[in-house]
Amino acid sequence: MIKTNEGTIDRVLRIILGGALITGYFLNPEGAYSWLYWLGVIPLATGIVGWCGLYAVLGINTCKMKN
């Protein structure tokens, strides 16, 4: 099992951002760079899973430590 490295607030913000970007595509599918909205899949997926590869590489962990 993958250990999570994202805290609750971080995960919620990623899910909101990812969902907003994907929604933006459906609101403006004919835009010049509308395909960029699909980059919202990345924060959406990492928010759902709770693990970010970039955080792992950089040694960042936004989870609260358990005592």
PDB file of N, CA and C in Angstrom:
ATOM      1  N   MET A   1       0.835  -1.179   0.000  1.00  0.00           N
ATOM      2  CA  MET A   1       0.000   0.000   0.000  1.00  0.00           C
ATOM      3  C   MET A   1       0.882   1.246   0.000  1.00  0.00           C
ATOM      4  N   ILE A   2       0.469   2.247  -0.740  1.00  0.00           N
ATOM      5  CA  ILE A   2       1.224   3.489  -0.825  1.00  0.00           C
ATOM      6  C   ILE A   2       0.915   4.352   0.386  1.00  0.00           C
ATOM      7  N   LYS A   3       1.966   4.859   1.010  1.00  0.00           N
ATOM      8  CA  LYS A   3       1.789   5.754   2.149  1.00  0.00           C
ATOM      9  C   LYS A   3       1.399   7.138   1.630  1.00  0.00           C
ATOM     10  N   THR A   4       0.365   7.732   2.202  1.00  0.00           N
ATOM     11  CA  THR A   4      -0.081   9.044   1.756  1.00  0.00           C
ATOM     12  C   THR A   4       0.910  10.121   2.193  1.00  0.00           C
ATOM     13  N   ASN A   5       1.052  11.151   1.365  1.00  0.00           N
ATOM     14  CA  ASN A   5       1.925  12.265   1.710  1.00  0.00           C
ATOM     15  C   ASN A   5       1.213  13.607   1.524  1.00  0.00           C
ATOM     16  N   GLU A   6      -0.119  13.569   1.478  1.00  0.00           N
ATOM     17  CA  GLU A   6      -0.924  14.781   1.346  1.00  0.00           C
ATOM     18  C   GLU A   6      -1.890  14.872   2.517  1.00  0.00           C
ATOM     19  N   GLY A   7      -1.965  16.051   3.107  1.00  0.00           N
ATOM     20  CA  GLY A   7      -2.901  16.287   4.192  1.00  0.00           C
ATOM     21  C   GLY A   7      -4.310  16.513   3.663  1.00  0.00           C
ATOM     22  N   THR A   8      -5.261  16.615   4.567  1.00  0.00           N
ATOM     23  CA  THR A   8      -6.672  16.748   4.196  1.00  0.00           C
ATOM     24  C   THR A   8      -6.933  18.010   3.383  1.00  0.00           C
ATOM     25  N   ILE A   9      -6.417  19.142   3.840  1.00  0.00           N
ATOM     26  CA  ILE A   9      -6.647  20.402   3.122  1.00  0.00           C
ATOM     27  C   ILE A   9      -6.015  20.331   1.738  1.00  0.00           C
ATOM     28  N   ASP A  10      -4.816  19.805   1.651  1.00  0.00           N
ATOM     29  CA  ASP A  10      -4.122  19.658   0.375  1.00  0.00           C
ATOM     30  C   ASP A  10      -4.941  18.803  -0.590  1.00  0.00           C
ATOM     31  N   ARG A  11      -5.478  17.702  -0.100  1.00  0.00           N
ATOM     32  CA  ARG A  11      -6.266  16.802  -0.941  1.00  0.00           C
ATOM     33  C   ARG A  11      -7.546  17.462  -1.432  1.00  0.00           C
ATOM     34  N   VAL A  12      -8.241  18.165  -0.531  1.00  0.00           N
ATOM     35  CA  VAL A  12      -9.489  18.833  -0.905  1.00  0.00           C
ATOM     36  C   VAL A  12      -9.222  19.891  -1.968  1.00  0.00           C
ATOM     37  N   LEU A  13      -8.167  20.687  -1.781  1.00  0.00           N
ATOM     38  CA  LEU A  13      -7.839  21.724  -2.762  1.00  0.00           C
ATOM     39  C   LEU A  13      -7.485  21.131  -4.116  1.00  0.00           C
ATOM     40  N   ARG A  14      -6.773  20.013  -4.121  1.00  0.00           N
ATOM     41  CA  ARG A  14      -6.426  19.351  -5.387  1.00  0.00           C
ATOM     42  C   ARG A  14      -7.674  18.833  -6.105  1.00  0.00           C
ATOM     43  N   ILE A  15      -8.591  18.255  -5.354  1.00  0.00           N
ATOM     44  CA  ILE A  15      -9.821  17.731  -5.957  1.00  0.00           C
ATOM     45  C   ILE A  15     -10.651  18.874  -6.533  1.00  0.00           C
ATOM     46  N   ILE A  16     -10.748  19.980  -5.793  1.00  0.00           N
ATOM     47  CA  ILE A  16     -11.502  21.136  -6.291  1.00  0.00           C
ATOM     48  C   ILE A  16     -10.845  21.709  -7.538  1.00  0.00           C
ATOM     49  N   LEU A  17      -9.527  21.890  -7.514  1.00  0.00           N
ATOM     50  CA  LEU A  17      -8.808  22.442  -8.664  1.00  0.00           C
ATOM     51  C   LEU A  17      -8.942  21.530  -9.882  1.00  0.00           C
ATOM     52  N   GLY A  18      -8.731  20.238  -9.685  1.00  0.00           N
ATOM     53  CA  GLY A  18      -8.844  19.294 -10.794  1.00  0.00           C
ATOM     54  C   GLY A  18     -10.236  19.265 -11.384  1.00  0.00           C
ATOM     55  N   GLY A  19     -11.239  19.237 -10.519  1.00  0.00           N
ATOM     56  CA  GLY A  19     -12.621  19.249 -10.992  1.00  0.00           C
ATOM     57  C   GLY A  19     -12.961  20.527 -11.735  1.00  0.00           C
ATOM     58  N   ALA A  20     -12.453  21.656 -11.247  1.00  0.00           N
ATOM     59  CA  ALA A  20     -12.713  22.942 -11.901  1.00  0.00           C
ATOM     60  C   ALA A  20     -12.071  22.999 -13.285  1.00  0.00           C
ATOM     61  N   LEU A  21     -10.860  22.497 -13.404  1.00  0.00           N
ATOM     62  CA  LEU A  21     -10.198  22.505 -14.710  1.00  0.00           C
ATOM     63  C   LEU A  21     -10.929  21.616 -15.716  1.00  0.00           C
ATOM     64  N   ILE A  22     -11.329  20.448 -15.292  1.00  0.00           N
ATOM     65  CA  ILE A  22     -12.051  19.542 -16.195  1.00  0.00           C
ATOM     66  C   ILE A  22     -13.402  20.147 -16.571  1.00  0.00           C
ATOM     67  N   THR A  23     -14.072  20.771 -15.614  1.00  0.00           N
ATOM     68  CA  THR A  23     -15.337  21.446 -15.904  1.00  0.00           C
ATOM     69  C   THR A  23     -15.119  22.575 -16.907  1.00  0.00           C
ATOM     70  N   GLY A  24     -13.994  23.277 -16.779  1.00  0.00           N
ATOM     71  CA  GLY A  24     -13.659  24.351 -17.707  1.00  0.00           C
ATOM     72  C   GLY A  24     -13.594  23.864 -19.143  1.00  0.00           C
ATOM     73  N   TYR A  25     -13.135  22.653 -19.343  1.00  0.00           N
ATOM     74  CA  TYR A  25     -13.093  22.100 -20.694  1.00  0.00           C
ATOM     75  C   TYR A  25     -14.501  21.982 -21.268  1.00  0.00           C
ATOM     76  N   PHE A  26     -15.430  21.483 -20.463  1.00  0.00           N
ATOM     77  CA  PHE A  26     -16.790  21.290 -20.955  1.00  0.00           C
ATOM     78  C   PHE A  26     -17.518  22.610 -21.170  1.00  0.00           C
ATOM     79  N   LEU A  27     -17.092  23.649 -20.475  1.00  0.00           N
ATOM     80  CA  LEU A  27     -17.691  24.963 -20.662  1.00  0.00           C
ATOM     81  C   LEU A  27     -17.099  25.689 -21.873  1.00  0.00           C
ATOM     82  N   ASN A  28     -15.876  25.326 -22.255  1.00  0.00           N
ATOM     83  CA  ASN A  28     -15.197  25.997 -23.370  1.00  0.00           C
ATOM     84  C   ASN A  28     -14.428  24.971 -24.215  1.00  0.00           C
ATOM     85  N   PRO A  29     -15.107  23.998 -24.827  1.00  0.00           N
ATOM     86  CA  PRO A  29     -14.401  22.943 -25.558  1.00  0.00           C
ATOM     87  C   PRO A  29     -13.764  23.409 -26.871  1.00  0.00           C
ATOM     88  N   GLU A  30     -14.190  24.515 -27.403  1.00  0.00           N
ATOM     89  CA  GLU A  30     -13.669  24.990 -28.686  1.00  0.00           C
ATOM     90  C   GLU A  30     -12.546  26.013 -28.532  1.00  0.00           C
ATOM     91  N   GLY A  31     -12.082  26.233 -27.317  1.00  0.00           N
ATOM     92  CA  GLY A  31     -11.011  27.203 -27.081  1.00  0.00           C
ATOM     93  C   GLY A  31      -9.707  26.760 -27.721  1.00  0.00           C
ATOM     94  N   ALA A  32      -8.810  27.710 -27.939  1.00  0.00           N
ATOM     95  CA  ALA A  32      -7.541  27.435 -28.617  1.00  0.00           C
ATOM     96  C   ALA A  32      -6.700  26.408 -27.859  1.00  0.00           C
ATOM     97  N   TYR A  33      -6.640  26.523 -26.562  1.00  0.00           N
ATOM     98  CA  TYR A  33      -5.837  25.600 -25.755  1.00  0.00           C
ATOM     99  C   TYR A  33      -6.721  24.827 -24.787  1.00  0.00           C
ATOM    100  N   SER A  34      -7.898  24.458 -25.224  1.00  0.00           N
ATOM    101  CA  SER A  34      -8.847  23.787 -24.330  1.00  0.00           C
ATOM    102  C   SER A  34      -8.324  22.438 -23.840  1.00  0.00           C
ATOM    103  N   TRP A  35      -7.411  21.827 -24.565  1.00  0.00           N
ATOM    104  CA  TRP A  35      -6.857  20.543 -24.133  1.00  0.00           C
ATOM    105  C   TRP A  35      -6.076  20.686 -22.824  1.00  0.00           C
ATOM    106  N   LEU A  36      -5.610  21.896 -22.518  1.00  0.00           N
ATOM    107  CA  LEU A  36      -4.867  22.099 -21.275  1.00  0.00           C
ATOM    108  C   LEU A  36      -5.739  21.886 -20.041  1.00  0.00           C
ATOM    109  N   TYR A  37      -7.055  22.051 -20.209  1.00  0.00           N
ATOM    110  CA  TYR A  37      -7.953  21.802 -19.078  1.00  0.00           C
ATOM    111  C   TYR A  37      -7.839  20.361 -18.594  1.00  0.00           C
ATOM    112  N   TRP A  38      -7.489  19.450 -19.492  1.00  0.00           N
ATOM    113  CA  TRP A  38      -7.377  18.046 -19.104  1.00  0.00           C
ATOM    114  C   TRP A  38      -6.204  17.779 -18.181  1.00  0.00           C
ATOM    115  N   LEU A  39      -5.325  18.769 -18.003  1.00  0.00           N
ATOM    116  CA  LEU A  39      -4.263  18.615 -17.008  1.00  0.00           C
ATOM    117  C   LEU A  39      -4.844  18.557 -15.600  1.00  0.00           C
ATOM    118  N   GLY A  40      -6.115  18.929 -15.465  1.00  0.00           N
ATOM    119  CA  GLY A  40      -6.803  18.826 -14.185  1.00  0.00           C
ATOM    120  C   GLY A  40      -6.937  17.404 -13.689  1.00  0.00           C
ATOM    121  N   VAL A  41      -6.727  16.440 -14.570  1.00  0.00           N
ATOM    122  CA  VAL A  41      -6.782  15.032 -14.162  1.00  0.00           C
ATOM    123  C   VAL A  41      -5.668  14.736 -13.151  1.00  0.00           C
ATOM    124  N   ILE A  42      -4.532  15.403 -13.288  1.00  0.00           N
ATOM    125  CA  ILE A  42      -3.394  15.149 -12.392  1.00  0.00           C
ATOM    126  C   ILE A  42      -3.720  15.537 -10.951  1.00  0.00           C
ATOM    127  N   PRO A  43      -4.116  16.802 -10.680  1.00  0.00           N
ATOM    128  CA  PRO A  43      -4.432  17.107  -9.282  1.00  0.00           C
ATOM    129  C   PRO A  43      -5.659  16.345  -8.774  1.00  0.00           C
ATOM    130  N   LEU A  44      -6.607  16.057  -9.651  1.00  0.00           N
ATOM    131  CA  LEU A  44      -7.779  15.291  -9.238  1.00  0.00           C
ATOM    132  C   LEU A  44      -7.369  13.892  -8.789  1.00  0.00           C
ATOM    133  N   ALA A  45      -6.558  13.229  -9.588  1.00  0.00           N
ATOM    134  CA  ALA A  45      -6.121  11.864  -9.256  1.00  0.00           C
ATOM    135  C   ALA A  45      -5.255  11.834  -7.997  1.00  0.00           C
ATOM    136  N   THR A  46      -4.311  12.765  -7.882  1.00  0.00           N
ATOM    137  CA  THR A  46      -3.454  12.772  -6.692  1.00  0.00           C
ATOM    138  C   THR A  46      -4.247  13.125  -5.446  1.00  0.00           C
ATOM    139  N   GLY A  47      -5.260  13.969  -5.588  1.00  0.00           N
ATOM    140  CA  GLY A  47      -6.108  14.298  -4.446  1.00  0.00           C
ATOM    141  C   GLY A  47      -6.940  13.113  -3.990  1.00  0.00           C
ATOM    142  N   ILE A  48      -7.427  12.344  -4.934  1.00  0.00           N
ATOM    143  CA  ILE A  48      -8.230  11.164  -4.590  1.00  0.00           C
ATOM    144  C   ILE A  48      -7.358  10.088  -3.945  1.00  0.00           C
ATOM    145  N   VAL A  49      -6.185   9.848  -4.526  1.00  0.00           N
ATOM    146  CA  VAL A  49      -5.288   8.798  -4.026  1.00  0.00           C
ATOM    147  C   VAL A  49      -4.607   9.224  -2.724  1.00  0.00           C
ATOM    148  N   GLY A  50      -4.251  10.516  -2.612  1.00  0.00           N
ATOM    149  CA  GLY A  50      -3.581  11.006  -1.413  1.00  0.00           C
ATOM    150  C   GLY A  50      -2.073  10.925  -1.475  1.00  0.00           C
ATOM    151  N   TRP A  51      -1.540  10.640  -2.636  1.00  0.00           N
ATOM    152  CA  TRP A  51      -0.099  10.524  -2.811  1.00  0.00           C
ATOM    153  C   TRP A  51       0.336  11.308  -4.032  1.00  0.00           C
ATOM    154  N   CYS A  52       1.391  12.104  -3.889  1.00  0.00           N
ATOM    155  CA  CYS A  52       1.914  12.908  -4.984  1.00  0.00           C
ATOM    156  C   CYS A  52       3.366  12.507  -5.235  1.00  0.00           C
ATOM    157  N   GLY A  53       3.663  12.126  -6.465  1.00  0.00           N
ATOM    158  CA  GLY A  53       5.016  11.714  -6.821  1.00  0.00           C
ATOM    159  C   GLY A  53       6.029  12.833  -6.664  1.00  0.00           C
ATOM    160  N   LEU A  54       5.640  14.060  -7.022  1.00  0.00           N
ATOM    161  CA  LEU A  54       6.554  15.193  -6.877  1.00  0.00           C
ATOM    162  C   LEU A  54       6.865  15.446  -5.403  1.00  0.00           C
ATOM    163  N   TYR A  55       5.863  15.329  -4.541  1.00  0.00           N
ATOM    164  CA  TYR A  55       6.102  15.470  -3.100  1.00  0.00           C
ATOM    165  C   TYR A  55       7.086  14.405  -2.628  1.00  0.00           C
ATOM    166  N   ALA A  56       6.948  13.182  -3.121  1.00  0.00           N
ATOM    167  CA  ALA A  56       7.834  12.092  -2.716  1.00  0.00           C
ATOM    168  C   ALA A  56       9.274  12.384  -3.120  1.00  0.00           C
ATOM    169  N   VAL A  57       9.468  12.900  -4.330  1.00  0.00           N
ATOM    170  CA  VAL A  57      10.809  13.214  -4.811  1.00  0.00           C
ATOM    171  C   VAL A  57      11.434  14.345  -3.997  1.00  0.00           C
ATOM    172  N   LEU A  58      10.614  15.359  -3.683  1.00  0.00           N
ATOM    173  CA  LEU A  58      11.121  16.518  -2.950  1.00  0.00           C
ATOM    174  C   LEU A  58      11.128  16.325  -1.435  1.00  0.00           C
ATOM    175  N   GLY A  59      10.580  15.220  -0.949  1.00  0.00           N
ATOM    176  CA  GLY A  59      10.564  14.944   0.479  1.00  0.00           C
ATOM    177  C   GLY A  59       9.540  15.763   1.252  1.00  0.00           C
ATOM    178  N   ILE A  60       8.465  16.189   0.579  1.00  0.00           N
ATOM    179  CA  ILE A  60       7.425  16.982   1.217  1.00  0.00           C
ATOM    180  C   ILE A  60       6.325  16.059   1.705  1.00  0.00           C
ATOM    181  N   ASN A  61       5.818  16.351   2.891  1.00  0.00           N
ATOM    182  CA  ASN A  61       4.708  15.589   3.453  1.00  0.00           C
ATOM    183  C   ASN A  61       3.800  16.551   4.188  1.00  0.00           C
ATOM    184  N   THR A  62       2.566  16.726   3.733  1.00  0.00           N
ATOM    185  CA  THR A  62       1.636  17.643   4.364  1.00  0.00           C
ATOM    186  C   THR A  62       0.671  16.935   5.299  1.00  0.00           C
ATOM    187  N   CYS A  63       0.862  15.633   5.503  1.00  0.00           N
ATOM    188  CA  CYS A  63       0.041  14.892   6.472  1.00  0.00           C
ATOM    189  C   CYS A  63       0.459  15.279   7.879  1.00  0.00           C
ATOM    190  N   LYS A  64      -0.521  15.312   8.769  1.00  0.00           N
ATOM    191  CA  LYS A  64      -0.190  15.558  10.169  1.00  0.00           C
ATOM    192  C   LYS A  64       0.455  14.303  10.748  1.00  0.00           C
ATOM    193  N   MET A  65       1.446  14.496  11.561  1.00  0.00           N
ATOM    194  CA  MET A  65       2.152  13.376  12.184  1.00  0.00           C
ATOM    195  C   MET A  65       1.307  12.807  13.312  1.00  0.00           C
ATOM    196  N   LYS A  66       1.257  11.495  13.400  1.00  0.00           N
ATOM    197  CA  LYS A  66       0.557  10.833  14.510  1.00  0.00           C
ATOM    198  C   LYS A  66       1.530  10.661  15.666  1.00  0.00           C
ATOM    199  N   ASN A  67       1.038  10.963  16.877  1.00  0.00           N
ATOM    200  CA  ASN A  67       1.892  10.833  18.066  1.00  0.00           C
ATOM    201  C   ASN A  67       1.842   9.428  18.600  1.00  0.00           C
TER     202      ASN A  67
END
